[in-house]
Amino acid sequence: MTRLTIVANIIAKANKIELVKAELLKLIEITRAEAGCINYDLHQDNENPAHFMFYENWETRELWQTHMGNTHLAEYMSATEGAVEQFILNEMTHIA
């Protein structure tokens, strides 16, 4: 199976940018150590600091789904409840 690319766009509420950023940063080290994680890179928009984007690559969709069920993601969701304006996740396949 081909690897899975994830693009996750997170838009924080204007008054919660630093909270969301801090919680997203907590995910990086633990996620990069997970089985199947090829890369897990967080970006912040230069024009709109409320916009964060994760660019991720996983060996398989199954290993990514295991990641999605991990405790640290549940903790992130709890810590940022009500602080995120929008969340869009795209599962993608590299084609060229």
PDB file of N, CA and C in Angstrom:
ATOM      1  N   MET A   1       0.851  -1.187   0.000  1.00  0.00           N
ATOM      2  CA  MET A   1       0.000   0.000   0.000  1.00  0.00           C
ATOM      3  C   MET A   1       0.888   1.240   0.000  1.00  0.00           C
ATOM      4  N   THR A   2       0.425   2.267  -0.713  1.00  0.00           N
ATOM      5  CA  THR A   2       1.159   3.523  -0.739  1.00  0.00           C
ATOM      6  C   THR A   2       1.004   4.253   0.582  1.00  0.00           C
ATOM      7  N   ARG A   3       1.984   5.074   0.855  1.00  0.00           N
ATOM      8  CA  ARG A   3       1.919   5.835   2.101  1.00  0.00           C
ATOM      9  C   ARG A   3       0.754   6.826   2.045  1.00  0.00           C
ATOM     10  N   LEU A   4       0.355   7.276   3.213  1.00  0.00           N
ATOM     11  CA  LEU A   4      -0.763   8.208   3.358  1.00  0.00           C
ATOM     12  C   LEU A   4      -0.229   9.574   3.750  1.00  0.00           C
ATOM     13  N   THR A   5      -0.679  10.592   3.029  1.00  0.00           N
ATOM     14  CA  THR A   5      -0.350  11.973   3.375  1.00  0.00           C
ATOM     15  C   THR A   5      -1.577  12.603   4.003  1.00  0.00           C
ATOM     16  N   ILE A   6      -1.365  13.297   5.104  1.00  0.00           N
ATOM     17  CA  ILE A   6      -2.439  14.015   5.795  1.00  0.00           C
ATOM     18  C   ILE A   6      -2.106  15.498   5.766  1.00  0.00           C
ATOM     19  N   VAL A   7      -3.092  16.299   5.393  1.00  0.00           N
ATOM     20  CA  VAL A   7      -2.991  17.750   5.503  1.00  0.00           C
ATOM     21  C   VAL A   7      -4.137  18.178   6.420  1.00  0.00           C
ATOM     22  N   ALA A   8      -3.779  18.694   7.573  1.00  0.00           N
ATOM     23  CA  ALA A   8      -4.783  19.114   8.552  1.00  0.00           C
ATOM     24  C   ALA A   8      -4.663  20.617   8.763  1.00  0.00           C
ATOM     25  N   ASN A   9      -5.748  21.324   8.481  1.00  0.00           N
ATOM     26  CA  ASN A   9      -5.799  22.775   8.675  1.00  0.00           C
ATOM     27  C   ASN A   9      -6.612  23.081   9.917  1.00  0.00           C
ATOM     28  N   ILE A  10      -6.009  23.825  10.812  1.00  0.00           N
ATOM     29  CA  ILE A  10      -6.643  24.199  12.074  1.00  0.00           C
ATOM     30  C   ILE A  10      -6.679  25.717  12.144  1.00  0.00           C
ATOM     31  N   ILE A  11      -7.862  26.269  12.325  1.00  0.00           N
ATOM     32  CA  ILE A  11      -8.017  27.713  12.489  1.00  0.00           C
ATOM     33  C   ILE A  11      -8.446  27.970  13.932  1.00  0.00           C
ATOM     34  N   ALA A  12      -7.574  28.634  14.669  1.00  0.00           N
ATOM     35  CA  ALA A  12      -7.867  28.955  16.068  1.00  0.00           C
ATOM     36  C   ALA A  12      -8.735  30.206  16.143  1.00  0.00           C
ATOM     37  N   LYS A  13      -9.525  30.302  17.178  1.00  0.00           N
ATOM     38  CA  LYS A  13     -10.244  31.547  17.441  1.00  0.00           C
ATOM     39  C   LYS A  13      -9.209  32.631  17.751  1.00  0.00           C
ATOM     40  N   ALA A  14      -9.503  33.848  17.368  1.00  0.00           N
ATOM     41  CA  ALA A  14      -8.534  34.951  17.466  1.00  0.00           C
ATOM     42  C   ALA A  14      -7.949  35.111  18.863  1.00  0.00           C
ATOM     43  N   ASN A  15      -8.754  34.903  19.876  1.00  0.00           N
ATOM     44  CA  ASN A  15      -8.271  35.085  21.249  1.00  0.00           C
ATOM     45  C   ASN A  15      -7.681  33.808  21.857  1.00  0.00           C
ATOM     46  N   LYS A  16      -7.526  32.763  21.045  1.00  0.00           N
ATOM     47  CA  LYS A  16      -7.026  31.472  21.535  1.00  0.00           C
ATOM     48  C   LYS A  16      -5.822  30.970  20.740  1.00  0.00           C
ATOM     49  N   ILE A  17      -5.205  31.827  19.946  1.00  0.00           N
ATOM     50  CA  ILE A  17      -4.096  31.414  19.082  1.00  0.00           C
ATOM     51  C   ILE A  17      -2.958  30.789  19.882  1.00  0.00           C
ATOM     52  N   GLU A  18      -2.516  31.438  20.933  1.00  0.00           N
ATOM     53  CA  GLU A  18      -1.370  30.934  21.692  1.00  0.00           C
ATOM     54  C   GLU A  18      -1.698  29.617  22.406  1.00  0.00           C
ATOM     55  N   LEU A  19      -2.919  29.485  22.900  1.00  0.00           N
ATOM     56  CA  LEU A  19      -3.337  28.234  23.526  1.00  0.00           C
ATOM     57  C   LEU A  19      -3.280  27.091  22.521  1.00  0.00           C
ATOM     58  N   VAL A  20      -3.883  27.291  21.362  1.00  0.00           N
ATOM     59  CA  VAL A  20      -3.917  26.244  20.340  1.00  0.00           C
ATOM     60  C   VAL A  20      -2.495  25.908  19.892  1.00  0.00           C
ATOM     61  N   LYS A  21      -1.680  26.922  19.665  1.00  0.00           N
ATOM     62  CA  LYS A  21      -0.301  26.691  19.242  1.00  0.00           C
ATOM     63  C   LYS A  21       0.451  25.855  20.279  1.00  0.00           C
ATOM     64  N   ALA A  22       0.339  26.203  21.532  1.00  0.00           N
ATOM     65  CA  ALA A  22       1.034  25.472  22.596  1.00  0.00           C
ATOM     66  C   ALA A  22       0.587  24.014  22.647  1.00  0.00           C
ATOM     67  N   GLU A  23      -0.698  23.783  22.481  1.00  0.00           N
ATOM     68  CA  GLU A  23      -1.225  22.413  22.525  1.00  0.00           C
ATOM     69  C   GLU A  23      -0.796  21.620  21.292  1.00  0.00           C
ATOM     70  N   LEU A  24      -0.751  22.270  20.124  1.00  0.00           N
ATOM     71  CA  LEU A  24      -0.281  21.592  18.914  1.00  0.00           C
ATOM     72  C   LEU A  24       1.187  21.208  19.044  1.00  0.00           C
ATOM     73  N   LEU A  25       1.989  22.097  19.604  1.00  0.00           N
ATOM     74  CA  LEU A  25       3.410  21.817  19.771  1.00  0.00           C
ATOM     75  C   LEU A  25       3.647  20.608  20.677  1.00  0.00           C
ATOM     76  N   LYS A  26       2.772  20.390  21.640  1.00  0.00           N
ATOM     77  CA  LYS A  26       2.894  19.238  22.535  1.00  0.00           C
ATOM     78  C   LYS A  26       2.754  17.912  21.796  1.00  0.00           C
ATOM     79  N   LEU A  27       2.072  17.925  20.649  1.00  0.00           N
ATOM     80  CA  LEU A  27       1.817  16.694  19.899  1.00  0.00           C
ATOM     81  C   LEU A  27       3.031  16.212  19.101  1.00  0.00           C
ATOM     82  N   ILE A  28       3.952  17.091  18.803  1.00  0.00           N
ATOM     83  CA  ILE A  28       4.987  16.796  17.814  1.00  0.00           C
ATOM     84  C   ILE A  28       5.924  15.676  18.249  1.00  0.00           C
ATOM     85  N   GLU A  29       6.578  15.810  19.364  1.00  0.00           N
ATOM     86  CA  GLU A  29       7.582  14.825  19.762  1.00  0.00           C
ATOM     87  C   GLU A  29       6.985  13.432  19.934  1.00  0.00           C
ATOM     88  N   ILE A  30       5.858  13.355  20.609  1.00  0.00           N
ATOM     89  CA  ILE A  30       5.239  12.044  20.871  1.00  0.00           C
ATOM     90  C   ILE A  30       4.747  11.408  19.569  1.00  0.00           C
ATOM     91  N   THR A  31       4.225  12.221  18.657  1.00  0.00           N
ATOM     92  CA  THR A  31       3.721  11.677  17.395  1.00  0.00           C
ATOM     93  C   THR A  31       4.864  11.221  16.505  1.00  0.00           C
ATOM     94  N   ARG A  32       5.929  11.984  16.439  1.00  0.00           N
ATOM     95  CA  ARG A  32       7.070  11.594  15.601  1.00  0.00           C
ATOM     96  C   ARG A  32       7.685  10.267  16.043  1.00  0.00           C
ATOM     97  N   ALA A  33       7.480   9.894  17.297  1.00  0.00           N
ATOM     98  CA  ALA A  33       8.009   8.630  17.811  1.00  0.00           C
ATOM     99  C   ALA A  33       7.074   7.449  17.558  1.00  0.00           C
ATOM    100  N   GLU A  34       5.880   7.700  17.054  1.00  0.00           N
ATOM    101  CA  GLU A  34       4.900   6.635  16.826  1.00  0.00           C
ATOM    102  C   GLU A  34       5.275   5.761  15.644  1.00  0.00           C
ATOM    103  N   ALA A  35       4.879   4.502  15.719  1.00  0.00           N
ATOM    104  CA  ALA A  35       5.085   3.566  14.608  1.00  0.00           C
ATOM    105  C   ALA A  35       4.389   4.091  13.362  1.00  0.00           C
ATOM    106  N   GLY A  36       5.117   4.090  12.257  1.00  0.00           N
ATOM    107  CA  GLY A  36       4.533   4.477  10.978  1.00  0.00           C
ATOM    108  C   GLY A  36       4.630   5.938  10.624  1.00  0.00           C
ATOM    109  N   CYS A  37       5.039   6.785  11.563  1.00  0.00           N
ATOM    110  CA  CYS A  37       5.140   8.217  11.281  1.00  0.00           C
ATOM    111  C   CYS A  37       6.420   8.487  10.500  1.00  0.00           C
ATOM    112  N   ILE A  38       6.262   9.009   9.286  1.00  0.00           N
ATOM    113  CA  ILE A  38       7.405   9.371   8.448  1.00  0.00           C
ATOM    114  C   ILE A  38       7.801  10.817   8.732  1.00  0.00           C
ATOM    115  N   ASN A  39       6.831  11.695   8.737  1.00  0.00           N
ATOM    116  CA  ASN A  39       7.063  13.080   9.148  1.00  0.00           C
ATOM    117  C   ASN A  39       5.767  13.662   9.692  1.00  0.00           C
ATOM    118  N   TYR A  40       5.919  14.650  10.560  1.00  0.00           N
ATOM    119  CA  TYR A  40       4.786  15.285  11.231  1.00  0.00           C
ATOM    120  C   TYR A  40       5.200  16.728  11.463  1.00  0.00           C
ATOM    121  N   ASP A  41       4.881  17.588  10.503  1.00  0.00           N
ATOM    122  CA  ASP A  41       5.410  18.951  10.475  1.00  0.00           C
ATOM    123  C   ASP A  41       4.302  19.982  10.658  1.00  0.00           C
ATOM    124  N   LEU A  42       4.494  20.861  11.625  1.00  0.00           N
ATOM    125  CA  LEU A  42       3.530  21.912  11.932  1.00  0.00           C
ATOM    126  C   LEU A  42       3.974  23.223  11.301  1.00  0.00           C
ATOM    127  N   HIS A  43       3.024  23.905  10.683  1.00  0.00           N
ATOM    128  CA  HIS A  43       3.273  25.205  10.046  1.00  0.00           C
ATOM    129  C   HIS A  43       2.267  26.220  10.583  1.00  0.00           C
ATOM    130  N   GLN A  44       2.666  27.504  10.547  1.00  0.00           N
ATOM    131  CA  GLN A  44       1.772  28.598  10.918  1.00  0.00           C
ATOM    132  C   GLN A  44       1.799  29.613   9.787  1.00  0.00           C
ATOM    133  N   ASP A  45       0.631  30.050   9.364  1.00  0.00           N
ATOM    134  CA  ASP A  45       0.498  30.984   8.245  1.00  0.00           C
ATOM    135  C   ASP A  45       1.161  32.327   8.575  1.00  0.00           C
ATOM    136  N   ASN A  46       1.935  32.850   7.651  1.00  0.00           N
ATOM    137  CA  ASN A  46       2.634  34.126   7.859  1.00  0.00           C
ATOM    138  C   ASN A  46       1.691  35.321   7.888  1.00  0.00           C
ATOM    139  N   GLU A  47       0.582  35.240   7.191  1.00  0.00           N
ATOM    140  CA  GLU A  47      -0.378  36.353   7.125  1.00  0.00           C
ATOM    141  C   GLU A  47      -1.503  36.223   8.146  1.00  0.00           C
ATOM    142  N   ASN A  48      -1.826  35.000   8.517  1.00  0.00           N
ATOM    143  CA  ASN A  48      -2.922  34.757   9.450  1.00  0.00           C
ATOM    144  C   ASN A  48      -2.416  33.825  10.556  1.00  0.00           C
ATOM    145  N   PRO A  49      -1.937  34.367  11.663  1.00  0.00           N
ATOM    146  CA  PRO A  49      -1.354  33.534  12.721  1.00  0.00           C
ATOM    147  C   PRO A  49      -2.333  32.561  13.375  1.00  0.00           C
ATOM    148  N   ALA A  50      -3.619  32.716  13.122  1.00  0.00           N
ATOM    149  CA  ALA A  50      -4.610  31.781  13.659  1.00  0.00           C
ATOM    150  C   ALA A  50      -4.674  30.487  12.855  1.00  0.00           C
ATOM    151  N   HIS A  51      -4.035  30.468  11.687  1.00  0.00           N
ATOM    152  CA  HIS A  51      -4.087  29.314  10.788  1.00  0.00           C
ATOM    153  C   HIS A  51      -2.842  28.441  10.954  1.00  0.00           C
ATOM    154  N   PHE A  52      -3.075  27.216  11.407  1.00  0.00           N
ATOM    155  CA  PHE A  52      -2.016  26.216  11.550  1.00  0.00           C
ATOM    156  C   PHE A  52      -2.277  25.086  10.568  1.00  0.00           C
ATOM    157  N   MET A  53      -1.198  24.442  10.129  1.00  0.00           N
ATOM    158  CA  MET A  53      -1.346  23.333   9.204  1.00  0.00           C
ATOM    159  C   MET A  53      -0.330  22.258   9.547  1.00  0.00           C
ATOM    160  N   PHE A  54      -0.832  21.028   9.709  1.00  0.00           N
ATOM    161  CA  PHE A  54       0.049  19.873   9.842  1.00  0.00           C
ATOM    162  C   PHE A  54       0.177  19.217   8.483  1.00  0.00           C
ATOM    163  N   TYR A  55       1.419  18.904   8.100  1.00  0.00           N
ATOM    164  CA  TYR A  55       1.704  18.113   6.917  1.00  0.00           C
ATOM    165  C   TYR A  55       2.342  16.833   7.437  1.00  0.00           C
ATOM    166  N   GLU A  56       1.675  15.714   7.188  1.00  0.00           N
ATOM    167  CA  GLU A  56       2.087  14.445   7.770  1.00  0.00           C
ATOM    168  C   GLU A  56       2.189  13.377   6.690  1.00  0.00           C
ATOM    169  N   ASN A  57       3.104  12.456   6.876  1.00  0.00           N
ATOM    170  CA  ASN A  57       3.167  11.268   6.040  1.00  0.00           C
ATOM    171  C   ASN A  57       3.278  10.057   6.946  1.00  0.00           C
ATOM    172  N   TRP A  58       2.489   9.037   6.606  1.00  0.00           N
ATOM    173  CA  TRP A  58       2.406   7.808   7.383  1.00  0.00           C
ATOM    174  C   TRP A  58       2.653   6.619   6.470  1.00  0.00           C
ATOM    175  N   GLU A  59       3.265   5.577   7.019  1.00  0.00           N
ATOM    176  CA  GLU A  59       3.546   4.367   6.238  1.00  0.00           C
ATOM    177  C   GLU A  59       2.269   3.723   5.722  1.00  0.00           C
ATOM    178  N   THR A  60       1.213   3.701   6.557  1.00  0.00           N
ATOM    179  CA  THR A  60      -0.073   3.126   6.152  1.00  0.00           C
ATOM    180  C   THR A  60      -1.212   3.911   6.795  1.00  0.00           C
ATOM    181  N   ARG A  61      -2.390   3.772   6.220  1.00  0.00           N
ATOM    182  CA  ARG A  61      -3.583   4.405   6.796  1.00  0.00           C
ATOM    183  C   ARG A  61      -3.892   3.802   8.164  1.00  0.00           C
ATOM    184  N   GLU A  62      -3.660   2.518   8.310  1.00  0.00           N
ATOM    185  CA  GLU A  62      -3.934   1.839   9.575  1.00  0.00           C
ATOM    186  C   GLU A  62      -3.079   2.409  10.709  1.00  0.00           C
ATOM    187  N   LEU A  63      -1.810   2.660  10.426  1.00  0.00           N
ATOM    188  CA  LEU A  63      -0.947   3.237  11.466  1.00  0.00           C
ATOM    189  C   LEU A  63      -1.367   4.665  11.789  1.00  0.00           C
ATOM    190  N   TRP A  64      -1.833   5.419  10.797  1.00  0.00           N
ATOM    191  CA  TRP A  64      -2.358   6.764  11.055  1.00  0.00           C
ATOM    192  C   TRP A  64      -3.617   6.684  11.919  1.00  0.00           C
ATOM    193  N   GLN A  65      -4.484   5.713  11.635  1.00  0.00           N
ATOM    194  CA  GLN A  65      -5.699   5.567  12.432  1.00  0.00           C
ATOM    195  C   GLN A  65      -5.368   5.208  13.886  1.00  0.00           C
ATOM    196  N   THR A  66      -4.319   4.421  14.084  1.00  0.00           N
ATOM    197  CA  THR A  66      -3.873   4.134  15.449  1.00  0.00           C
ATOM    198  C   THR A  66      -3.463   5.433  16.128  1.00  0.00           C
ATOM    199  N   HIS A  67      -2.710   6.253  15.414  1.00  0.00           N
ATOM    200  CA  HIS A  67      -2.317   7.580  15.925  1.00  0.00           C
ATOM    201  C   HIS A  67      -3.548   8.398  16.322  1.00  0.00           C
ATOM    202  N   MET A  68      -4.556   8.386  15.479  1.00  0.00           N
ATOM    203  CA  MET A  68      -5.758   9.190  15.737  1.00  0.00           C
ATOM    204  C   MET A  68      -6.499   8.747  16.998  1.00  0.00           C
ATOM    205  N   GLY A  69      -6.299   7.516  17.407  1.00  0.00           N
ATOM    206  CA  GLY A  69      -6.962   7.010  18.607  1.00  0.00           C
ATOM    207  C   GLY A  69      -6.135   7.133  19.870  1.00  0.00           C
ATOM    208  N   ASN A  70      -4.943   7.699  19.766  1.00  0.00           N
ATOM    209  CA  ASN A  70      -4.049   7.781  20.924  1.00  0.00           C
ATOM    210  C   ASN A  70      -4.498   8.829  21.942  1.00  0.00           C
ATOM    211  N   THR A  71      -4.071   8.630  23.169  1.00  0.00           N
ATOM    212  CA  THR A  71      -4.438   9.481  24.296  1.00  0.00           C
ATOM    213  C   THR A  71      -4.031  10.928  24.097  1.00  0.00           C
ATOM    214  N   HIS A  72      -2.853  11.178  23.533  1.00  0.00           N
ATOM    215  CA  HIS A  72      -2.389  12.562  23.407  1.00  0.00           C
ATOM    216  C   HIS A  72      -3.281  13.389  22.484  1.00  0.00           C
ATOM    217  N   LEU A  73      -3.918  12.765  21.517  1.00  0.00           N
ATOM    218  CA  LEU A  73      -4.859  13.522  20.679  1.00  0.00           C
ATOM    219  C   LEU A  73      -6.146  13.826  21.443  1.00  0.00           C
ATOM    220  N   ALA A  74      -6.594  12.893  22.249  1.00  0.00           N
ATOM    221  CA  ALA A  74      -7.773  13.147  23.085  1.00  0.00           C
ATOM    222  C   ALA A  74      -7.484  14.277  24.070  1.00  0.00           C
ATOM    223  N   GLU A  75      -6.278  14.300  24.613  1.00  0.00           N
ATOM    224  CA  GLU A  75      -5.892  15.371  25.536  1.00  0.00           C
ATOM    225  C   GLU A  75      -5.849  16.723  24.819  1.00  0.00           C
ATOM    226  N   TYR A  76      -5.344  16.736  23.578  1.00  0.00           N
ATOM    227  CA  TYR A  76      -5.338  17.968  22.787  1.00  0.00           C
ATOM    228  C   TYR A  76      -6.776  18.455  22.560  1.00  0.00           C
ATOM    229  N   MET A  77      -7.662  17.542  22.181  1.00  0.00           N
ATOM    230  CA  MET A  77      -9.058  17.912  21.919  1.00  0.00           C
ATOM    231  C   MET A  77      -9.705  18.511  23.166  1.00  0.00           C
ATOM    232  N   SER A  78      -9.441  17.925  24.306  1.00  0.00           N
ATOM    233  CA  SER A  78      -9.993  18.425  25.559  1.00  0.00           C
ATOM    234  C   SER A  78      -9.433  19.806  25.898  1.00  0.00           C
ATOM    235  N   ALA A  79      -8.126  19.977  25.737  1.00  0.00           N
ATOM    236  CA  ALA A  79      -7.470  21.238  26.089  1.00  0.00           C
ATOM    237  C   ALA A  79      -7.878  22.390  25.175  1.00  0.00           C
ATOM    238  N   THR A  80      -8.254  22.076  23.934  1.00  0.00           N
ATOM    239  CA  THR A  80      -8.597  23.133  22.968  1.00  0.00           C
ATOM    240  C   THR A  80     -10.097  23.219  22.686  1.00  0.00           C
ATOM    241  N   GLU A  81     -10.893  22.538  23.485  1.00  0.00           N
ATOM    242  CA  GLU A  81     -12.344  22.580  23.281  1.00  0.00           C
ATOM    243  C   GLU A  81     -12.831  24.030  23.329  1.00  0.00           C
ATOM    244  N   GLY A  82     -13.536  24.441  22.277  1.00  0.00           N
ATOM    245  CA  GLY A  82     -14.050  25.797  22.182  1.00  0.00           C
ATOM    246  C   GLY A  82     -13.046  26.821  21.683  1.00  0.00           C
ATOM    247  N   ALA A  83     -11.809  26.407  21.424  1.00  0.00           N
ATOM    248  CA  ALA A  83     -10.759  27.338  20.997  1.00  0.00           C
ATOM    249  C   ALA A  83     -10.480  27.278  19.491  1.00  0.00           C
ATOM    250  N   VAL A  84     -11.028  26.268  18.827  1.00  0.00           N
ATOM    251  CA  VAL A  84     -10.785  26.078  17.394  1.00  0.00           C
ATOM    252  C   VAL A  84     -12.019  26.482  16.602  1.00  0.00           C
ATOM    253  N   GLU A  85     -11.811  27.390  15.655  1.00  0.00           N
ATOM    254  CA  GLU A  85     -12.890  27.874  14.795  1.00  0.00           C
ATOM    255  C   GLU A  85     -13.227  26.866  13.703  1.00  0.00           C
ATOM    256  N   GLN A  86     -12.176  26.269  13.123  1.00  0.00           N
ATOM    257  CA  GLN A  86     -12.384  25.363  11.994  1.00  0.00           C
ATOM    258  C   GLN A  86     -11.281  24.318  11.969  1.00  0.00           C
ATOM    259  N   PHE A  87     -11.647  23.090  11.576  1.00  0.00           N
ATOM    260  CA  PHE A  87     -10.688  22.004  11.418  1.00  0.00           C
ATOM    261  C   PHE A  87     -11.043  21.251  10.155  1.00  0.00           C
ATOM    262  N   ILE A  88     -10.109  21.194   9.220  1.00  0.00           N
ATOM    263  CA  ILE A  88     -10.326  20.459   7.967  1.00  0.00           C
ATOM    264  C   ILE A  88      -9.169  19.496   7.796  1.00  0.00           C
ATOM    265  N   LEU A  89      -9.485  18.222   7.599  1.00  0.00           N
ATOM    266  CA  LEU A  89      -8.476  17.194   7.429  1.00  0.00           C
ATOM    267  C   LEU A  89      -8.654  16.542   6.065  1.00  0.00           C
ATOM    268  N   ASN A  90      -7.555  16.443   5.327  1.00  0.00           N
ATOM    269  CA  ASN A  90      -7.576  15.782   4.033  1.00  0.00           C
ATOM    270  C   ASN A  90      -6.625  14.607   4.044  1.00  0.00           C
ATOM    271  N   GLU A  91      -7.131  13.432   3.652  1.00  0.00           N
ATOM    272  CA  GLU A  91      -6.305  12.242   3.436  1.00  0.00           C
ATOM    273  C   GLU A  91      -5.919  12.261   1.974  1.00  0.00           C
ATOM    274  N   MET A  92      -4.628  12.193   1.679  1.00  0.00           N
ATOM    275  CA  MET A  92      -4.170  12.340   0.307  1.00  0.00           C
ATOM    276  C   MET A  92      -3.158  11.250  -0.058  1.00  0.00           C
ATOM    277  N   THR A  93      -3.022  11.024  -1.358  1.00  0.00           N
ATOM    278  CA  THR A  93      -2.052  10.076  -1.896  1.00  0.00           C
ATOM    279  C   THR A  93      -1.094  10.816  -2.811  1.00  0.00           C
ATOM    280  N   HIS A  94       0.183  10.605  -2.605  1.00  0.00           N
ATOM    281  CA  HIS A  94       1.211  11.205  -3.454  1.00  0.00           C
ATOM    282  C   HIS A  94       1.130  10.567  -4.843  1.00  0.00           C
ATOM    283  N   ILE A  95       1.027  11.398  -5.888  1.00  0.00           N
ATOM    284  CA  ILE A  95       0.897  10.846  -7.237  1.00  0.00           C
ATOM    285  C   ILE A  95       2.048  11.202  -8.168  1.00  0.00           C
ATOM    286  N   ALA A  96       2.872  12.161  -7.797  1.00  0.00           N
ATOM    287  CA  ALA A  96       4.002  12.506  -8.678  1.00  0.00           C
ATOM    288  C   ALA A  96       5.082  13.236  -7.907  1.00  0.00           C
TER     289      ALA A  96
END
